[in-house]
Structure formats: structure tokens, C-alpha cells
C-alpha atoms as a PDB file:
ATOM      1  CA  UNK A   1     -26.332 -79.428-102.472  1.00  0.00           C
ATOM      2  CA  UNK A   2     -28.233 -82.110-104.335  1.00  0.00           C
ATOM      3  CA  UNK A   3     -31.865 -82.896-103.807  1.00  0.00           C
ATOM      4  CA  UNK A   4     -31.212 -86.242-105.492  1.00  0.00           C
ATOM      5  CA  UNK A   5     -27.820 -87.949-105.277  1.00  0.00           C
ATOM      6  CA  UNK A   6     -26.961 -90.977-107.426  1.00  0.00           C
ATOM      7  CA  UNK A   7     -24.110 -93.158-106.093  1.00  0.00           C
ATOM      8  CA  UNK A   8     -22.052 -95.945-107.679  1.00  0.00           C
ATOM      9  CA  UNK A   9     -18.425 -97.067-107.480  1.00  0.00           C
ATOM     10  CA  UNK A  10     -16.426 -94.925-109.892  1.00  0.00           C
ATOM     11  CA  UNK A  11     -18.933 -92.241-110.947  1.00  0.00           C
ATOM     12  CA  UNK A  12     -17.984 -92.751-114.584  1.00  0.00           C
ATOM     13  CA  UNK A  13     -20.914 -94.854-115.790  1.00  0.00           C
ATOM     14  CA  UNK A  14     -24.014 -95.820-113.781  1.00  0.00           C
ATOM     15  CA  UNK A  15     -24.479 -92.902-111.396  1.00  0.00           C
ATOM     16  CA  UNK A  16     -23.316 -90.310-113.914  1.00  0.00           C
ATOM     17  CA  UNK A  17     -25.727 -91.690-116.514  1.00  0.00           C
ATOM     18  CA  UNK A  18     -28.603 -91.802-114.031  1.00  0.00           C
ATOM     19  CA  UNK A  19     -27.965 -88.207-112.957  1.00  0.00           C
ATOM     20  CA  UNK A  20     -27.735 -86.987-116.554  1.00  0.00           C
ATOM     21  CA  UNK A  21     -31.006 -88.726-117.467  1.00  0.00           C
ATOM     22  CA  UNK A  22     -32.719 -87.356-114.345  1.00  0.00           C
ATOM     23  CA  UNK A  23     -31.489 -83.820-115.134  1.00  0.00           C
ATOM     24  CA  UNK A  24     -32.740 -84.181-118.701  1.00  0.00           C
ATOM     25  CA  UNK A  25     -36.176 -85.371-117.581  1.00  0.00           C
ATOM     26  CA  UNK A  26     -36.438 -82.655-114.919  1.00  0.00           C
ATOM     27  CA  UNK A  27     -35.540 -79.960-117.466  1.00  0.00           C
ATOM     28  CA  UNK A  28     -38.111 -81.321-119.935  1.00  0.00           C
ATOM     29  CA  UNK A  29     -40.762 -80.959-117.242  1.00  0.00           C
ATOM     30  CA  UNK A  30     -39.600 -77.543-116.061  1.00  0.00           C
ATOM     31  CA  UNK A  31     -38.590 -78.865-112.653  1.00  0.00           C
ATOM     32  CA  UNK A  32     -35.793 -77.185-110.720  1.00  0.00           C
ATOM     33  CA  UNK A  33     -34.403 -80.153-108.796  1.00  0.00           C
ATOM     34  CA  UNK A  34     -30.759 -80.255-107.703  1.00  0.00           C
ATOM     35  CA  UNK A  35     -29.336 -83.535-109.021  1.00  0.00           C
ATOM     36  CA  UNK A  36     -25.789 -84.847-108.589  1.00  0.00           C
ATOM     37  CA  UNK A  37     -23.757 -88.045-108.692  1.00  0.00           C
ATOM     38  CA  UNK A  38     -20.675 -89.380-106.930  1.00  0.00           C
ATOM     39  CA  UNK A  39     -18.706 -92.579-106.466  1.00  0.00           C
ATOM     40  CA  UNK A  40     -17.695 -94.418-103.312  1.00  0.00           C
ATOM     41  CA  UNK A  41     -14.294 -95.224-104.867  1.00  0.00           C
ATOM     42  CA  UNK A  42     -14.131 -92.598-107.606  1.00  0.00           C
ATOM     43  CA  UNK A  43     -10.912 -91.173-108.953  1.00  0.00           C
ATOM     44  CA  UNK A  44     -11.851 -87.509-108.976  1.00  0.00           C
ATOM     45  CA  UNK A  45     -11.622 -85.990-112.427  1.00  0.00           C
ATOM     46  CA  UNK A  46     -11.938 -89.206-114.441  1.00  0.00           C
ATOM     47  CA  UNK A  47     -14.194 -88.779-117.495  1.00  0.00           C
ATOM     48  CA  UNK A  48     -17.330 -90.784-118.148  1.00  0.00           C
ATOM     49  CA  UNK A  49     -16.703 -94.055-119.933  1.00  0.00           C
ATOM     50  CA  UNK A  50     -16.921 -93.961-123.733  1.00  0.00           C
ATOM     51  CA  UNK A  51     -19.807 -96.459-123.610  1.00  0.00           C
ATOM     52  CA  UNK A  52     -21.762 -94.206-121.228  1.00  0.00           C
ATOM     53  CA  UNK A  53     -21.134 -91.126-123.383  1.00  0.00           C
ATOM     54  CA  UNK A  54     -22.208 -93.027-126.506  1.00  0.00           C
ATOM     55  CA  UNK A  55     -25.336 -94.509-124.916  1.00  0.00           C
ATOM     56  CA  UNK A  56     -26.571 -91.144-123.689  1.00  0.00           C
ATOM     57  CA  UNK A  57     -25.660 -89.402-126.941  1.00  0.00           C
ATOM     58  CA  UNK A  58     -28.031 -91.838-128.660  1.00  0.00           C
ATOM     59  CA  UNK A  59     -30.736 -90.461-126.339  1.00  0.00           C
ATOM     60  CA  UNK A  60     -29.776 -86.863-127.077  1.00  0.00           C
ATOM     61  CA  UNK A  61     -28.159 -86.346-123.669  1.00  0.00           C
ATOM     62  CA  UNK A  62     -24.652 -84.904-123.286  1.00  0.00           C
ATOM     63  CA  UNK A  63     -22.265 -86.614-120.854  1.00  0.00           C
ATOM     64  CA  UNK A  64     -18.890 -85.775-122.407  1.00  0.00           C
ATOM     65  CA  UNK A  65     -18.117 -82.987-119.922  1.00  0.00           C
ATOM     66  CA  UNK A  66     -18.764 -85.177-116.869  1.00  0.00           C
ATOM     67  CA  UNK A  67     -15.896 -85.663-114.426  1.00  0.00           C
ATOM     68  CA  UNK A  68     -16.014 -88.175-111.578  1.00  0.00           C
ATOM     69  CA  UNK A  69     -16.485 -86.969-108.010  1.00  0.00           C
ATOM     70  CA  UNK A  70     -15.758 -88.845-104.812  1.00  0.00           C
ATOM     71  CA  UNK A  71     -18.626 -89.245-102.383  1.00  0.00           C
ATOM     72  CA  UNK A  72     -18.262 -86.908 -99.406  1.00  0.00           C
ATOM     73  CA  UNK A  73     -20.138 -86.877 -96.119  1.00  0.00           C
ATOM     74  CA  UNK A  74     -21.582 -83.420 -96.826  1.00  0.00           C
ATOM     75  CA  UNK A  75     -23.228 -84.798 -99.988  1.00  0.00           C
ATOM     76  CA  UNK A  76     -24.886 -87.600 -98.032  1.00  0.00           C
ATOM     77  CA  UNK A  77     -26.077 -85.340 -95.215  1.00  0.00           C
ATOM     78  CA  UNK A  78     -27.483 -82.673 -97.512  1.00  0.00           C
ATOM     79  CA  UNK A  79     -29.233 -84.894-100.077  1.00  0.00           C
ATOM     80  CA  UNK A  80     -32.979 -85.344 -99.804  1.00  0.00           C
ATOM     81  CA  UNK A  81     -32.844 -88.661-101.672  1.00  0.00           C
ATOM     82  CA  UNK A  82     -29.882 -90.982-102.281  1.00  0.00           C
ATOM     83  CA  UNK A  83     -30.184 -93.634-104.968  1.00  0.00           C
ATOM     84  CA  UNK A  84     -27.531 -96.359-104.912  1.00  0.00           C
ATOM     85  CA  UNK A  85     -26.920 -98.108-108.204  1.00  0.00           C
ATOM     86  CA  UNK A  86     -26.501-101.526-106.538  1.00  0.00           C
ATOM     87  CA  UNK A  87     -27.138-102.962-103.078  1.00  0.00           C
ATOM     88  CA  UNK A  88     -23.366-102.882-102.479  1.00  0.00           C
ATOM     89  CA  UNK A  89     -23.461 -99.083-102.648  1.00  0.00           C
ATOM     90  CA  UNK A  90     -26.260 -98.694-100.101  1.00  0.00           C
END
């Protein structure tokens, strides 16, 4: 399970982007950190938004294969760190 869990509403933009950037930075530094994202009201399987895919592509980070995941209790209990994208998600 994730060491770092990013959480937003739909898991198609903010949390998925944050997780992808964190994974990219960890890989650049040779760090093996489990990183995941989920949404509190996600429709499981939805793709990342086109704007999110485009923004990360401009940074050289791939997001096109991302599929939304709903937040589950096991994710919360097993994460070392949970980062909510807004205060509403905390």
C-alpha cells in the first residue's frame, strides 16, 4: 500500500497529477517510495482529464494511462502520509 496517498474528489486531475509528479521526482532521485492517489467521490475507471494529461505531458510526465480509484479505508489506514488537495478533502 502507498507510503504517500494523494486525495481529491474525482481522482482525475489534482490528486492524479500530484501523484504522477511525486512518482517522477522520486524516480529521478532513486527513491523507492510507494505513491498512490484516490478520490473521495471518484467514478472508478474514469481517465485523467485532458487538461491534466496535457499539463503533465508538457513536463515530460505521462498520465494518459491513469484511471480513477475510489478512496477505500484500507488505503487510509495503510498510508504513511495522506495529502488532501483541499481542506474539504481532509
